[in-house]
Amino acid sequence: QVQLVESGGGLVQAGGSLRLSCAASGRVFSSYTVGWFRQAPGKEREFVARIGWFSDTYYADSVKGRFTISRDNAKNTVDLQMNSLQPEDTAVYYCAARRGVGGPSSKEYDYWGQGTQVTVSS
């Protein structure tokens, strides 16, 4: 079993930055793929980025070049650095994990955090 806790959300003006962190506990984290997803009001949950156990990364087109996902296996954390934030980035951000290889589909992930709110004002 893996427990995930997100932190770092908040309110920021357009063009600003935030750094989200996902802390894991329970099992060895290094063999897990970790993804970030987000859900805006009235919309479906969507993929943002994911990082594999070799730190291979994959991003949604909407955030490519602005967001960076990274992991520290010694600390059991995965961070999402978000730059040049826009109002359309406003959402609840969730981290998720699965053992082994994972892709952009939320259905592939077994463990989820409670989410952290990110609000970008114009």
N, C-alpha and C. Protein backbone atom coordinates (compact mmCIF):
# COMPACT_ATOMS: atom_id res chain seq x y z
N GLN A 1 0.84 -1.18 0.00
CA GLN A 1 0.00 0.00 0.00
C GLN A 1 0.88 1.24 0.00
N VAL A 2 0.48 2.24 -0.76
CA VAL A 2 1.20 3.50 -0.85
C VAL A 2 0.25 4.63 -0.46
N GLN A 3 0.71 5.50 0.41
CA GLN A 3 -0.06 6.69 0.76
C GLN A 3 0.62 7.91 0.14
N LEU A 4 -0.17 8.76 -0.46
CA LEU A 4 0.35 9.94 -1.15
C LEU A 4 -0.26 11.20 -0.55
N VAL A 5 0.56 12.20 -0.34
CA VAL A 5 0.09 13.48 0.19
C VAL A 5 0.68 14.60 -0.65
N GLU A 6 -0.20 15.42 -1.23
CA GLU A 6 0.25 16.56 -2.03
C GLU A 6 0.34 17.81 -1.15
N SER A 7 1.22 18.70 -1.56
CA SER A 7 1.34 19.99 -0.89
C SER A 7 1.85 21.01 -1.89
N GLY A 8 1.74 22.29 -1.53
CA GLY A 8 2.32 23.34 -2.35
C GLY A 8 1.33 24.14 -3.19
N GLY A 9 0.07 23.76 -3.15
CA GLY A 9 -0.91 24.52 -3.91
C GLY A 9 -1.14 25.89 -3.31
N GLY A 10 -1.88 26.72 -4.05
CA GLY A 10 -2.19 28.06 -3.55
C GLY A 10 -2.71 28.95 -4.64
N LEU A 11 -2.71 30.24 -4.34
CA LEU A 11 -3.20 31.26 -5.27
C LEU A 11 -2.00 32.02 -5.83
N VAL A 12 -1.98 32.18 -7.14
CA VAL A 12 -0.86 32.87 -7.79
C VAL A 12 -1.41 33.67 -8.96
N GLN A 13 -0.75 34.76 -9.28
CA GLN A 13 -1.15 35.54 -10.44
C GLN A 13 -0.65 34.91 -11.72
N ALA A 14 -1.33 35.22 -12.80
CA ALA A 14 -0.91 34.72 -14.12
C ALA A 14 0.55 35.10 -14.38
N GLY A 15 1.29 34.14 -14.90
CA GLY A 15 2.71 34.35 -15.14
C GLY A 15 3.59 33.91 -13.99
N GLY A 16 2.98 33.61 -12.87
CA GLY A 16 3.73 33.20 -11.69
C GLY A 16 4.07 31.72 -11.68
N SER A 17 4.66 31.29 -10.57
CA SER A 17 5.12 29.91 -10.43
C SER A 17 4.66 29.31 -9.11
N LEU A 18 4.51 28.01 -9.13
CA LEU A 18 4.26 27.23 -7.93
C LEU A 18 5.01 25.92 -8.04
N ARG A 19 5.34 25.36 -6.90
CA ARG A 19 5.99 24.04 -6.88
C ARG A 19 5.15 23.12 -6.02
N LEU A 20 4.62 22.09 -6.64
CA LEU A 20 3.85 21.08 -5.92
C LEU A 20 4.76 19.93 -5.53
N SER A 21 4.45 19.32 -4.40
CA SER A 21 5.21 18.17 -3.96
C SER A 21 4.27 17.03 -3.60
N CYS A 22 4.68 15.83 -3.93
CA CYS A 22 3.92 14.62 -3.60
C CYS A 22 4.83 13.75 -2.74
N ALA A 23 4.42 13.52 -1.51
CA ALA A 23 5.20 12.70 -0.59
C ALA A 23 4.55 11.34 -0.45
N ALA A 24 5.35 10.30 -0.58
CA ALA A 24 4.84 8.94 -0.53
C ALA A 24 5.35 8.21 0.70
N SER A 25 4.54 7.33 1.18
CA SER A 25 4.96 6.49 2.30
C SER A 25 4.33 5.13 2.15
N GLY A 26 4.91 4.16 2.78
CA GLY A 26 4.31 2.84 2.80
C GLY A 26 5.12 1.77 2.12
N ARG A 27 5.62 2.04 0.95
CA ARG A 27 6.39 1.05 0.22
C ARG A 27 7.56 1.72 -0.47
N VAL A 28 8.45 0.91 -0.98
CA VAL A 28 9.58 1.45 -1.73
C VAL A 28 9.06 2.17 -2.95
N PHE A 29 9.40 3.41 -3.05
CA PHE A 29 8.82 4.29 -4.05
C PHE A 29 9.56 4.25 -5.37
N SER A 30 10.81 3.83 -5.36
CA SER A 30 11.65 3.99 -6.54
C SER A 30 11.18 3.18 -7.73
N SER A 31 10.43 2.10 -7.50
CA SER A 31 9.97 1.27 -8.61
C SER A 31 8.59 1.68 -9.13
N TYR A 32 8.09 2.82 -8.68
CA TYR A 32 6.76 3.27 -9.06
C TYR A 32 6.85 4.40 -10.09
N THR A 33 5.90 4.38 -11.01
CA THR A 33 5.67 5.54 -11.87
C THR A 33 4.72 6.48 -11.12
N VAL A 34 5.04 7.75 -11.14
CA VAL A 34 4.21 8.75 -10.47
C VAL A 34 3.72 9.76 -11.49
N GLY A 35 2.44 10.03 -11.44
CA GLY A 35 1.85 10.99 -12.36
C GLY A 35 1.17 12.12 -11.62
N TRP A 36 1.09 13.25 -12.30
CA TRP A 36 0.28 14.37 -11.82
C TRP A 36 -0.90 14.53 -12.76
N PHE A 37 -2.06 14.70 -12.18
CA PHE A 37 -3.30 14.93 -12.92
C PHE A 37 -3.97 16.16 -12.32
N ARG A 38 -4.91 16.72 -13.06
CA ARG A 38 -5.65 17.86 -12.54
C ARG A 38 -7.09 17.79 -12.97
N GLN A 39 -7.93 18.43 -12.18
CA GLN A 39 -9.36 18.46 -12.49
C GLN A 39 -9.91 19.83 -12.17
N ALA A 40 -10.39 20.49 -13.21
CA ALA A 40 -11.01 21.80 -13.06
C ALA A 40 -12.51 21.62 -12.84
N PRO A 41 -13.17 22.60 -12.25
CA PRO A 41 -14.62 22.48 -12.00
C PRO A 41 -15.38 22.19 -13.30
N GLY A 42 -16.22 21.18 -13.26
CA GLY A 42 -17.05 20.85 -14.41
C GLY A 42 -16.33 20.12 -15.52
N LYS A 43 -15.07 19.77 -15.29
CA LYS A 43 -14.30 19.08 -16.33
C LYS A 43 -13.81 17.73 -15.82
N GLU A 44 -13.43 16.90 -16.75
CA GLU A 44 -12.89 15.60 -16.39
C GLU A 44 -11.44 15.74 -15.93
N ARG A 45 -11.01 14.77 -15.14
CA ARG A 45 -9.63 14.76 -14.71
C ARG A 45 -8.72 14.55 -15.92
N GLU A 46 -7.65 15.32 -15.99
CA GLU A 46 -6.76 15.21 -17.14
C GLU A 46 -5.31 15.03 -16.70
N PHE A 47 -4.57 14.39 -17.57
CA PHE A 47 -3.16 14.10 -17.34
C PHE A 47 -2.35 15.38 -17.46
N VAL A 48 -1.35 15.52 -16.59
CA VAL A 48 -0.44 16.65 -16.65
C VAL A 48 0.98 16.20 -16.98
N ALA A 49 1.51 15.28 -16.20
CA ALA A 49 2.89 14.81 -16.39
C ALA A 49 3.07 13.52 -15.62
N ARG A 50 4.10 12.77 -16.03
CA ARG A 50 4.43 11.58 -15.27
C ARG A 50 5.92 11.34 -15.34
N ILE A 51 6.43 10.63 -14.33
CA ILE A 51 7.85 10.30 -14.29
C ILE A 51 8.00 8.84 -13.92
N GLY A 52 8.80 8.14 -14.67
CA GLY A 52 9.02 6.73 -14.45
C GLY A 52 10.16 6.48 -13.49
N TRP A 53 10.41 5.19 -13.23
CA TRP A 53 11.44 4.87 -12.24
C TRP A 53 12.85 5.21 -12.69
N PHE A 54 13.07 5.38 -13.99
CA PHE A 54 14.35 5.83 -14.50
C PHE A 54 14.38 7.35 -14.69
N SER A 55 13.38 8.00 -14.10
CA SER A 55 13.21 9.45 -14.24
C SER A 55 12.94 9.87 -15.67
N ASP A 56 12.42 8.96 -16.47
CA ASP A 56 11.95 9.32 -17.80
C ASP A 56 10.63 10.08 -17.62
N THR A 57 10.46 11.13 -18.38
CA THR A 57 9.31 12.01 -18.19
C THR A 57 8.45 12.10 -19.44
N TYR A 58 7.20 12.48 -19.20
CA TYR A 58 6.25 12.65 -20.29
C TYR A 58 5.26 13.71 -19.85
N TYR A 59 4.95 14.65 -20.77
CA TYR A 59 4.10 15.78 -20.41
C TYR A 59 2.91 15.90 -21.36
N ALA A 60 1.84 16.45 -20.83
CA ALA A 60 0.74 16.85 -21.70
C ALA A 60 1.19 18.04 -22.54
N ASP A 61 0.68 18.14 -23.75
CA ASP A 61 1.08 19.23 -24.64
C ASP A 61 0.78 20.60 -24.01
N SER A 62 -0.27 20.67 -23.22
CA SER A 62 -0.69 21.95 -22.66
C SER A 62 0.28 22.51 -21.63
N VAL A 63 1.15 21.66 -21.10
CA VAL A 63 2.08 22.13 -20.07
C VAL A 63 3.53 22.00 -20.48
N LYS A 64 3.78 21.39 -21.62
CA LYS A 64 5.15 21.15 -22.08
C LYS A 64 5.89 22.48 -22.20
N GLY A 65 7.09 22.51 -21.64
CA GLY A 65 7.88 23.73 -21.68
C GLY A 65 7.63 24.67 -20.51
N ARG A 66 6.55 24.43 -19.77
CA ARG A 66 6.23 25.28 -18.61
C ARG A 66 6.35 24.52 -17.30
N PHE A 67 6.01 23.24 -17.32
CA PHE A 67 6.04 22.42 -16.12
C PHE A 67 7.20 21.43 -16.19
N THR A 68 7.78 21.12 -15.03
CA THR A 68 8.85 20.14 -14.94
C THR A 68 8.57 19.19 -13.78
N ILE A 69 8.56 17.91 -14.08
CA ILE A 69 8.36 16.90 -13.04
C ILE A 69 9.71 16.29 -12.69
N SER A 70 9.92 16.04 -11.40
CA SER A 70 11.19 15.46 -10.95
C SER A 70 10.91 14.59 -9.73
N ARG A 71 11.87 13.72 -9.43
CA ARG A 71 11.67 12.84 -8.29
C ARG A 71 12.95 12.73 -7.48
N ASP A 72 12.78 12.49 -6.18
CA ASP A 72 13.90 12.23 -5.27
C ASP A 72 13.54 10.94 -4.54
N ASN A 73 14.09 9.84 -5.01
CA ASN A 73 13.72 8.54 -4.44
C ASN A 73 14.21 8.40 -3.00
N ALA A 74 15.28 9.07 -2.65
CA ALA A 74 15.78 9.00 -1.28
C ALA A 74 14.79 9.63 -0.30
N LYS A 75 14.07 10.65 -0.78
CA LYS A 75 13.09 11.34 0.06
C LYS A 75 11.67 10.86 -0.20
N ASN A 76 11.51 9.97 -1.17
CA ASN A 76 10.16 9.50 -1.55
C ASN A 76 9.24 10.66 -1.94
N THR A 77 9.77 11.55 -2.76
CA THR A 77 8.96 12.68 -3.21
C THR A 77 9.05 12.85 -4.72
N VAL A 78 7.97 13.38 -5.28
CA VAL A 78 7.93 13.79 -6.68
C VAL A 78 7.39 15.21 -6.72
N ASP A 79 8.12 16.08 -7.36
CA ASP A 79 7.73 17.48 -7.43
C ASP A 79 7.25 17.85 -8.82
N LEU A 80 6.41 18.87 -8.86
CA LEU A 80 5.97 19.44 -10.13
C LEU A 80 6.21 20.94 -10.06
N GLN A 81 7.23 21.39 -10.78
CA GLN A 81 7.52 22.82 -10.87
C GLN A 81 6.67 23.41 -11.99
N MET A 82 5.86 24.39 -11.64
CA MET A 82 4.95 24.98 -12.61
C MET A 82 5.30 26.45 -12.81
N ASN A 83 5.71 26.79 -14.02
CA ASN A 83 6.08 28.16 -14.37
C ASN A 83 5.11 28.72 -15.39
N SER A 84 5.12 30.03 -15.54
CA SER A 84 4.27 30.70 -16.52
C SER A 84 2.81 30.24 -16.40
N LEU A 85 2.33 30.21 -15.18
CA LEU A 85 0.97 29.72 -14.94
C LEU A 85 -0.07 30.64 -15.55
N GLN A 86 -1.13 30.04 -16.04
CA GLN A 86 -2.22 30.75 -16.68
C GLN A 86 -3.54 30.40 -15.99
N PRO A 87 -4.55 31.23 -16.13
CA PRO A 87 -5.83 30.93 -15.48
C PRO A 87 -6.38 29.55 -15.84
N GLU A 88 -6.11 29.09 -17.03
CA GLU A 88 -6.60 27.77 -17.43
C GLU A 88 -5.89 26.63 -16.72
N ASP A 89 -4.85 26.93 -15.97
CA ASP A 89 -4.18 25.91 -15.16
C ASP A 89 -4.88 25.73 -13.81
N THR A 90 -5.86 26.56 -13.51
CA THR A 90 -6.59 26.45 -12.26
C THR A 90 -7.31 25.11 -12.17
N ALA A 91 -7.04 24.38 -11.10
CA ALA A 91 -7.62 23.05 -10.92
C ALA A 91 -7.16 22.49 -9.57
N VAL A 92 -7.76 21.38 -9.21
CA VAL A 92 -7.22 20.57 -8.12
C VAL A 92 -6.21 19.61 -8.75
N TYR A 93 -5.01 19.61 -8.20
CA TYR A 93 -3.94 18.77 -8.73
C TYR A 93 -3.76 17.56 -7.84
N TYR A 94 -3.70 16.40 -8.48
CA TYR A 94 -3.56 15.13 -7.79
C TYR A 94 -2.28 14.43 -8.22
N CYS A 95 -1.60 13.80 -7.28
CA CYS A 95 -0.55 12.88 -7.68
C CYS A 95 -1.08 11.46 -7.54
N ALA A 96 -0.54 10.60 -8.37
CA ALA A 96 -0.97 9.22 -8.42
C ALA A 96 0.23 8.33 -8.67
N ALA A 97 0.15 7.09 -8.25
CA ALA A 97 1.28 6.18 -8.40
C ALA A 97 0.82 4.79 -8.80
N ARG A 98 1.70 4.13 -9.50
CA ARG A 98 1.48 2.73 -9.83
C ARG A 98 2.84 2.04 -9.89
N ARG A 99 2.85 0.79 -9.57
CA ARG A 99 4.09 0.05 -9.64
C ARG A 99 4.41 -0.23 -11.10
N GLY A 100 5.66 -0.07 -11.48
CA GLY A 100 6.07 -0.35 -12.84
C GLY A 100 5.79 0.80 -13.78
N VAL A 101 5.61 0.46 -15.05
CA VAL A 101 5.46 1.46 -16.10
C VAL A 101 4.04 2.00 -16.12
N GLY A 102 3.92 3.30 -16.26
CA GLY A 102 2.60 3.93 -16.36
C GLY A 102 2.59 5.01 -17.42
N GLY A 103 1.41 5.28 -17.96
CA GLY A 103 1.26 6.27 -19.01
C GLY A 103 0.36 7.40 -18.60
N PRO A 104 -0.33 8.02 -19.55
CA PRO A 104 -1.14 9.20 -19.26
C PRO A 104 -2.59 8.92 -18.86
N SER A 105 -2.97 7.67 -18.80
CA SER A 105 -4.35 7.37 -18.44
C SER A 105 -4.50 7.23 -16.93
N SER A 106 -5.48 7.93 -16.38
CA SER A 106 -5.70 7.86 -14.93
C SER A 106 -6.09 6.45 -14.49
N LYS A 107 -6.62 5.68 -15.39
CA LYS A 107 -7.06 4.32 -15.05
C LYS A 107 -5.89 3.40 -14.74
N GLU A 108 -4.70 3.80 -15.15
CA GLU A 108 -3.53 2.96 -14.93
C GLU A 108 -2.98 3.07 -13.50
N TYR A 109 -3.43 4.05 -12.75
CA TYR A 109 -2.84 4.35 -11.46
C TYR A 109 -3.69 3.79 -10.32
N ASP A 110 -3.00 3.21 -9.35
CA ASP A 110 -3.68 2.52 -8.27
C ASP A 110 -3.83 3.35 -7.01
N TYR A 111 -2.93 4.29 -6.81
CA TYR A 111 -2.89 5.06 -5.57
C TYR A 111 -3.01 6.55 -5.90
N TRP A 112 -3.81 7.23 -5.10
CA TRP A 112 -4.08 8.65 -5.35
C TRP A 112 -3.99 9.45 -4.05
N GLY A 113 -3.51 10.67 -4.18
CA GLY A 113 -3.57 11.59 -3.07
C GLY A 113 -4.91 12.30 -3.00
N GLN A 114 -5.05 13.19 -2.02
CA GLN A 114 -6.31 13.90 -1.81
C GLN A 114 -6.42 15.14 -2.69
N GLY A 115 -5.34 15.59 -3.22
CA GLY A 115 -5.37 16.75 -4.12
C GLY A 115 -4.99 18.04 -3.42
N THR A 116 -4.49 18.99 -4.20
CA THR A 116 -4.16 20.31 -3.70
C THR A 116 -4.65 21.34 -4.72
N GLN A 117 -5.27 22.40 -4.22
CA GLN A 117 -5.88 23.39 -5.10
C GLN A 117 -4.84 24.37 -5.62
N VAL A 118 -4.88 24.59 -6.92
CA VAL A 118 -4.07 25.62 -7.56
C VAL A 118 -5.02 26.60 -8.23
N THR A 119 -4.92 27.86 -7.88
CA THR A 119 -5.76 28.89 -8.47
C THR A 119 -4.88 29.98 -9.07
N VAL A 120 -5.09 30.25 -10.35
CA VAL A 120 -4.30 31.26 -11.05
C VAL A 120 -5.24 32.41 -11.43
N SER A 121 -4.97 33.58 -10.91
CA SER A 121 -5.81 34.74 -11.19
C SER A 121 -5.26 35.52 -12.38
N SER A 122 -6.17 36.12 -13.11
CA SER A 122 -5.76 36.86 -14.32
C SER A 122 -5.45 38.32 -14.01
